[in-house]
């Protein structure tokens, strides 16, 4: 089995899946840290962590 482009899937779908899953994960982490009193649950904090998670996921999978 090769790793040709057709078997990798549509990059737009992969981007949206990464965005959604990273955002849900980031919201959960920030909510937990807010619950512990370590970080405020704000849109900026969730979005920032989601971007970091997306970047790390992209780098690891490339």
PDB file of N, CA and C in Angstrom:
ATOM      1  N   UNK A   1       0.839  -1.172   0.000  1.00  0.00           N
ATOM      2  CA  UNK A   1       0.000   0.000   0.000  1.00  0.00           C
ATOM      3  C   UNK A   1       0.890   1.244   0.000  1.00  0.00           C
ATOM      4  N   UNK A   2       0.681   2.089  -0.972  1.00  0.00           N
ATOM      5  CA  UNK A   2       1.444   3.316  -1.076  1.00  0.00           C
ATOM      6  C   UNK A   2       0.799   4.440  -0.291  1.00  0.00           C
ATOM      7  N   UNK A   3       1.509   5.536  -0.242  1.00  0.00           N
ATOM      8  CA  UNK A   3       0.967   6.717   0.450  1.00  0.00           C
ATOM      9  C   UNK A   3       0.732   7.815  -0.574  1.00  0.00           C
ATOM     10  N   UNK A   4       0.002   7.464  -1.637  1.00  0.00           N
ATOM     11  CA  UNK A   4      -0.274   8.465  -2.655  1.00  0.00           C
ATOM     12  C   UNK A   4      -1.281   9.492  -2.134  1.00  0.00           C
ATOM     13  N   UNK A   5      -1.433  10.564  -2.855  1.00  0.00           N
ATOM     14  CA  UNK A   5      -2.280  11.671  -2.438  1.00  0.00           C
ATOM     15  C   UNK A   5      -3.742  11.263  -2.282  1.00  0.00           C
ATOM     16  N   UNK A   6      -4.231  10.366  -3.112  1.00  0.00           N
ATOM     17  CA  UNK A   6      -5.638   9.972  -3.061  1.00  0.00           C
ATOM     18  C   UNK A   6      -5.990   9.273  -1.751  1.00  0.00           C
ATOM     19  N   UNK A   7      -5.058   8.581  -1.146  1.00  0.00           N
ATOM     20  CA  UNK A   7      -5.356   7.852   0.083  1.00  0.00           C
ATOM     21  C   UNK A   7      -5.267   8.728   1.325  1.00  0.00           C
ATOM     22  N   UNK A   8      -4.805   9.950   1.205  1.00  0.00           N
ATOM     23  CA  UNK A   8      -4.660  10.830   2.357  1.00  0.00           C
ATOM     24  C   UNK A   8      -5.944  11.572   2.684  1.00  0.00           C
ATOM     25  N   UNK A   9      -6.881  11.648   1.785  1.00  0.00           N
ATOM     26  CA  UNK A   9      -8.128  12.347   2.031  1.00  0.00           C
ATOM     27  C   UNK A   9      -8.051  13.796   1.602  1.00  0.00           C
ATOM     28  N   UNK A  10      -9.187  14.442   1.665  1.00  0.00           N
ATOM     29  CA  UNK A  10      -9.288  15.840   1.273  1.00  0.00           C
ATOM     30  C   UNK A  10      -8.663  16.720   2.358  1.00  0.00           C
ATOM     31  N   UNK A  11      -7.683  17.555   2.014  1.00  0.00           N
ATOM     32  CA  UNK A  11      -7.014  18.389   3.020  1.00  0.00           C
ATOM     33  C   UNK A  11      -7.965  19.345   3.742  1.00  0.00           C
ATOM     34  N   UNK A  12      -9.025  19.770   3.064  1.00  0.00           N
ATOM     35  CA  UNK A  12      -9.988  20.678   3.719  1.00  0.00           C
ATOM     36  C   UNK A  12     -10.739  19.957   4.825  1.00  0.00           C
ATOM     37  N   UNK A  13     -11.097  18.717   4.576  1.00  0.00           N
ATOM     38  CA  UNK A  13     -11.796  17.931   5.598  1.00  0.00           C
ATOM     39  C   UNK A  13     -10.869  17.678   6.779  1.00  0.00           C
ATOM     40  N   UNK A  14      -9.625  17.350   6.496  1.00  0.00           N
ATOM     41  CA  UNK A  14      -8.660  17.118   7.571  1.00  0.00           C
ATOM     42  C   UNK A  14      -8.430  18.386   8.388  1.00  0.00           C
ATOM     43  N   UNK A  15      -8.384  19.541   7.718  1.00  0.00           N
ATOM     44  CA  UNK A  15      -8.206  20.811   8.431  1.00  0.00           C
ATOM     45  C   UNK A  15      -9.380  21.090   9.356  1.00  0.00           C
ATOM     46  N   UNK A  16     -10.595  20.889   8.855  1.00  0.00           N
ATOM     47  CA  UNK A  16     -11.790  21.150   9.670  1.00  0.00           C
ATOM     48  C   UNK A  16     -11.863  20.174  10.839  1.00  0.00           C
ATOM     49  N   UNK A  17     -11.537  18.906  10.590  1.00  0.00           N
ATOM     50  CA  UNK A  17     -11.526  17.936  11.688  1.00  0.00           C
ATOM     51  C   UNK A  17     -10.501  18.320  12.744  1.00  0.00           C
ATOM     52  N   UNK A  18      -9.324  18.749  12.312  1.00  0.00           N
ATOM     53  CA  UNK A  18      -8.287  19.182  13.238  1.00  0.00           C
ATOM     54  C   UNK A  18      -8.762  20.400  14.026  1.00  0.00           C
ATOM     55  N   UNK A  19      -9.409  21.341  13.349  1.00  0.00           N
ATOM     56  CA  UNK A  19      -9.923  22.540  14.007  1.00  0.00           C
ATOM     57  C   UNK A  19     -10.958  22.195  15.072  1.00  0.00           C
ATOM     58  N   UNK A  20     -11.909  21.353  14.715  1.00  0.00           N
ATOM     59  CA  UNK A  20     -12.982  21.000  15.657  1.00  0.00           C
ATOM     60  C   UNK A  20     -12.430  20.211  16.846  1.00  0.00           C
ATOM     61  N   UNK A  21     -11.641  19.182  16.571  1.00  0.00           N
ATOM     62  CA  UNK A  21     -11.121  18.355  17.656  1.00  0.00           C
ATOM     63  C   UNK A  21     -10.150  19.116  18.551  1.00  0.00           C
ATOM     64  N   UNK A  22      -9.318  19.960  17.964  1.00  0.00           N
ATOM     65  CA  UNK A  22      -8.404  20.771  18.770  1.00  0.00           C
ATOM     66  C   UNK A  22      -9.164  21.769  19.626  1.00  0.00           C
ATOM     67  N   UNK A  23     -10.230  22.338  19.085  1.00  0.00           N
ATOM     68  CA  UNK A  23     -11.026  23.302  19.837  1.00  0.00           C
ATOM     69  C   UNK A  23     -11.742  22.634  21.010  1.00  0.00           C
ATOM     70  N   UNK A  24     -12.295  21.463  20.779  1.00  0.00           N
ATOM     71  CA  UNK A  24     -12.973  20.738  21.864  1.00  0.00           C
ATOM     72  C   UNK A  24     -11.968  20.350  22.947  1.00  0.00           C
ATOM     73  N   UNK A  25     -10.810  19.861  22.536  1.00  0.00           N
ATOM     74  CA  UNK A  25      -9.769  19.503  23.499  1.00  0.00           C
ATOM     75  C   UNK A  25      -9.315  20.728  24.288  1.00  0.00           C
ATOM     76  N   UNK A  26      -9.076  21.837  23.581  1.00  0.00           N
ATOM     77  CA  UNK A  26      -8.622  23.057  24.247  1.00  0.00           C
ATOM     78  C   UNK A  26      -9.678  23.576  25.221  1.00  0.00           C
ATOM     79  N   UNK A  27     -10.945  23.522  24.835  1.00  0.00           N
ATOM     80  CA  UNK A  27     -12.019  23.970  25.724  1.00  0.00           C
ATOM     81  C   UNK A  27     -12.052  23.115  26.989  1.00  0.00           C
ATOM     82  N   UNK A  28     -11.872  21.827  26.834  1.00  0.00           N
ATOM     83  CA  UNK A  28     -11.846  20.941  27.997  1.00  0.00           C
ATOM     84  C   UNK A  28     -10.681  21.218  28.922  1.00  0.00           C
ATOM     85  N   UNK A  29      -9.512  21.438  28.351  1.00  0.00           N
ATOM     86  CA  UNK A  29      -8.325  21.726  29.157  1.00  0.00           C
ATOM     87  C   UNK A  29      -8.476  23.065  29.872  1.00  0.00           C
ATOM     88  N   UNK A  30      -8.908  24.088  29.148  1.00  0.00           N
ATOM     89  CA  UNK A  30      -9.062  25.411  29.759  1.00  0.00           C
ATOM     90  C   UNK A  30     -10.170  25.382  30.811  1.00  0.00           C
ATOM     91  N   UNK A  31     -11.252  24.652  30.546  1.00  0.00           N
ATOM     92  CA  UNK A  31     -12.305  24.519  31.551  1.00  0.00           C
ATOM     93  C   UNK A  31     -11.755  23.877  32.821  1.00  0.00           C
ATOM     94  N   UNK A  32     -10.958  22.819  32.661  1.00  0.00           N
ATOM     95  CA  UNK A  32     -10.346  22.154  33.816  1.00  0.00           C
ATOM     96  C   UNK A  32      -9.421  23.078  34.583  1.00  0.00           C
ATOM     97  N   UNK A  33      -8.621  23.849  33.858  1.00  0.00           N
ATOM     98  CA  UNK A  33      -7.725  24.792  34.529  1.00  0.00           C
ATOM     99  C   UNK A  33      -8.503  25.913  35.209  1.00  0.00           C
ATOM    100  N   UNK A  34      -9.633  26.319  34.619  1.00  0.00           N
ATOM    101  CA  UNK A  34     -10.491  27.309  35.249  1.00  0.00           C
ATOM    102  C   UNK A  34     -11.112  26.730  36.519  1.00  0.00           C
ATOM    103  N   UNK A  35     -11.521  25.482  36.466  1.00  0.00           N
ATOM    104  CA  UNK A  35     -12.094  24.802  37.621  1.00  0.00           C
ATOM    105  C   UNK A  35     -11.093  24.751  38.775  1.00  0.00           C
ATOM    106  N   UNK A  36      -9.815  24.570  38.435  1.00  0.00           N
ATOM    107  CA  UNK A  36      -8.755  24.535  39.444  1.00  0.00           C
ATOM    108  C   UNK A  36      -8.284  25.927  39.851  1.00  0.00           C
ATOM    109  N   UNK A  37      -8.781  26.954  39.170  1.00  0.00           N
ATOM    110  CA  UNK A  37      -8.396  28.320  39.500  1.00  0.00           C
ATOM    111  C   UNK A  37      -7.058  28.744  38.932  1.00  0.00           C
ATOM    112  N   UNK A  38      -6.581  28.049  37.905  1.00  0.00           N
ATOM    113  CA  UNK A  38      -5.264  28.345  37.345  1.00  0.00           C
ATOM    114  C   UNK A  38      -5.320  29.219  36.100  1.00  0.00           C
ATOM    115  N   UNK A  39      -6.473  29.251  35.416  1.00  0.00           N
ATOM    116  CA  UNK A  39      -6.597  29.987  34.165  1.00  0.00           C
ATOM    117  C   UNK A  39      -8.062  30.317  33.951  1.00  0.00           C
ATOM    118  N   UNK A  40      -8.321  31.513  33.444  1.00  0.00           N
ATOM    119  CA  UNK A  40      -9.709  31.924  33.201  1.00  0.00           C
ATOM    120  C   UNK A  40     -10.239  31.279  31.927  1.00  0.00           C
ATOM    121  N   UNK A  41     -11.506  30.885  31.979  1.00  0.00           N
ATOM    122  CA  UNK A  41     -12.173  30.308  30.810  1.00  0.00           C
ATOM    123  C   UNK A  41     -12.661  31.451  29.929  1.00  0.00           C
ATOM    124  N   UNK A  42     -11.833  31.827  28.947  1.00  0.00           N
ATOM    125  CA  UNK A  42     -12.190  32.890  28.012  1.00  0.00           C
ATOM    126  C   UNK A  42     -11.999  32.375  26.589  1.00  0.00           C
ATOM    127  N   UNK A  43     -12.651  33.051  25.656  1.00  0.00           N
ATOM    128  CA  UNK A  43     -12.522  32.682  24.248  1.00  0.00           C
ATOM    129  C   UNK A  43     -11.067  32.773  23.795  1.00  0.00           C
ATOM    130  N   UNK A  44     -10.369  33.803  24.236  1.00  0.00           N
ATOM    131  CA  UNK A  44      -8.971  34.000  23.820  1.00  0.00           C
ATOM    132  C   UNK A  44      -8.098  32.849  24.305  1.00  0.00           C
ATOM    133  N   UNK A  45      -8.292  32.414  25.539  1.00  0.00           N
ATOM    134  CA  UNK A  45      -7.492  31.303  26.057  1.00  0.00           C
ATOM    135  C   UNK A  45      -7.787  30.003  25.314  1.00  0.00           C
ATOM    136  N   UNK A  46      -9.054  29.746  25.047  1.00  0.00           N
ATOM    137  CA  UNK A  46      -9.420  28.521  24.321  1.00  0.00           C
ATOM    138  C   UNK A  46      -8.882  28.579  22.892  1.00  0.00           C
ATOM    139  N   UNK A  47      -9.056  29.708  22.228  1.00  0.00           N
ATOM    140  CA  UNK A  47      -8.577  29.838  20.845  1.00  0.00           C
ATOM    141  C   UNK A  47      -7.055  29.734  20.766  1.00  0.00           C
ATOM    142  N   UNK A  48      -6.370  30.322  21.714  1.00  0.00           N
ATOM    143  CA  UNK A  48      -4.903  30.258  21.715  1.00  0.00           C
ATOM    144  C   UNK A  48      -4.415  28.824  21.878  1.00  0.00           C
ATOM    145  N   UNK A  49      -4.997  28.125  22.833  1.00  0.00           N
ATOM    146  CA  UNK A  49      -4.586  26.730  23.033  1.00  0.00           C
ATOM    147  C   UNK A  49      -4.968  25.872  21.832  1.00  0.00           C
ATOM    148  N   UNK A  50      -6.125  26.139  21.233  1.00  0.00           N
ATOM    149  CA  UNK A  50      -6.536  25.385  20.053  1.00  0.00           C
ATOM    150  C   UNK A  50      -5.543  25.592  18.907  1.00  0.00           C
ATOM    151  N   UNK A  51      -5.091  26.814  18.712  1.00  0.00           N
ATOM    152  CA  UNK A  51      -4.097  27.074  17.658  1.00  0.00           C
ATOM    153  C   UNK A  51      -2.783  26.353  17.932  1.00  0.00           C
ATOM    154  N   UNK A  52      -2.365  26.326  19.184  1.00  0.00           N
ATOM    155  CA  UNK A  52      -1.129  25.621  19.539  1.00  0.00           C
ATOM    156  C   UNK A  52      -1.290  24.127  19.277  1.00  0.00           C
ATOM    157  N   UNK A  53      -2.421  23.569  19.691  1.00  0.00           N
ATOM    158  CA  UNK A  53      -2.662  22.138  19.478  1.00  0.00           C
ATOM    159  C   UNK A  53      -2.726  21.822  17.985  1.00  0.00           C
ATOM    160  N   UNK A  54      -3.381  22.680  17.204  1.00  0.00           N
ATOM    161  CA  UNK A  54      -3.453  22.478  15.752  1.00  0.00           C
ATOM    162  C   UNK A  54      -2.063  22.502  15.130  1.00  0.00           C
ATOM    163  N   UNK A  55      -1.230  23.453  15.536  1.00  0.00           N
ATOM    164  CA  UNK A  55       0.123  23.564  14.996  1.00  0.00           C
ATOM    165  C   UNK A  55       0.957  22.340  15.329  1.00  0.00           C
ATOM    166  N   UNK A  56       0.869  21.889  16.564  1.00  0.00           N
ATOM    167  CA  UNK A  56       1.637  20.712  16.982  1.00  0.00           C
ATOM    168  C   UNK A  56       1.149  19.474  16.224  1.00  0.00           C
ATOM    169  N   UNK A  57      -0.157  19.342  16.077  1.00  0.00           N
ATOM    170  CA  UNK A  57      -0.708  18.210  15.326  1.00  0.00           C
ATOM    171  C   UNK A  57      -0.232  18.236  13.879  1.00  0.00           C
ATOM    172  N   UNK A  58      -0.243  19.406  13.267  1.00  0.00           N
ATOM    173  CA  UNK A  58       0.218  19.538  11.883  1.00  0.00           C
ATOM    174  C   UNK A  58       1.696  19.140  11.772  1.00  0.00           C
ATOM    175  N   UNK A  59       2.521  19.630  12.683  1.00  0.00           N
ATOM    176  CA  UNK A  59       3.952  19.325  12.621  1.00  0.00           C
ATOM    177  C   UNK A  59       4.229  17.847  12.853  1.00  0.00           C
ATOM    178  N   UNK A  60       3.510  17.232  13.768  1.00  0.00           N
ATOM    179  CA  UNK A  60       3.730  15.827  14.066  1.00  0.00           C
ATOM    180  C   UNK A  60       3.287  14.931  12.911  1.00  0.00           C
ATOM    181  N   UNK A  61       2.222  15.305  12.224  1.00  0.00           N
ATOM    182  CA  UNK A  61       1.716  14.446  11.154  1.00  0.00           C
ATOM    183  C   UNK A  61       2.382  14.691   9.801  1.00  0.00           C
ATOM    184  N   UNK A  62       3.230  15.664   9.680  1.00  0.00           N
ATOM    185  CA  UNK A  62       3.913  15.922   8.409  1.00  0.00           C
ATOM    186  C   UNK A  62       5.254  15.279   8.374  1.00  0.00           C
TER     187      UNK A  62
END
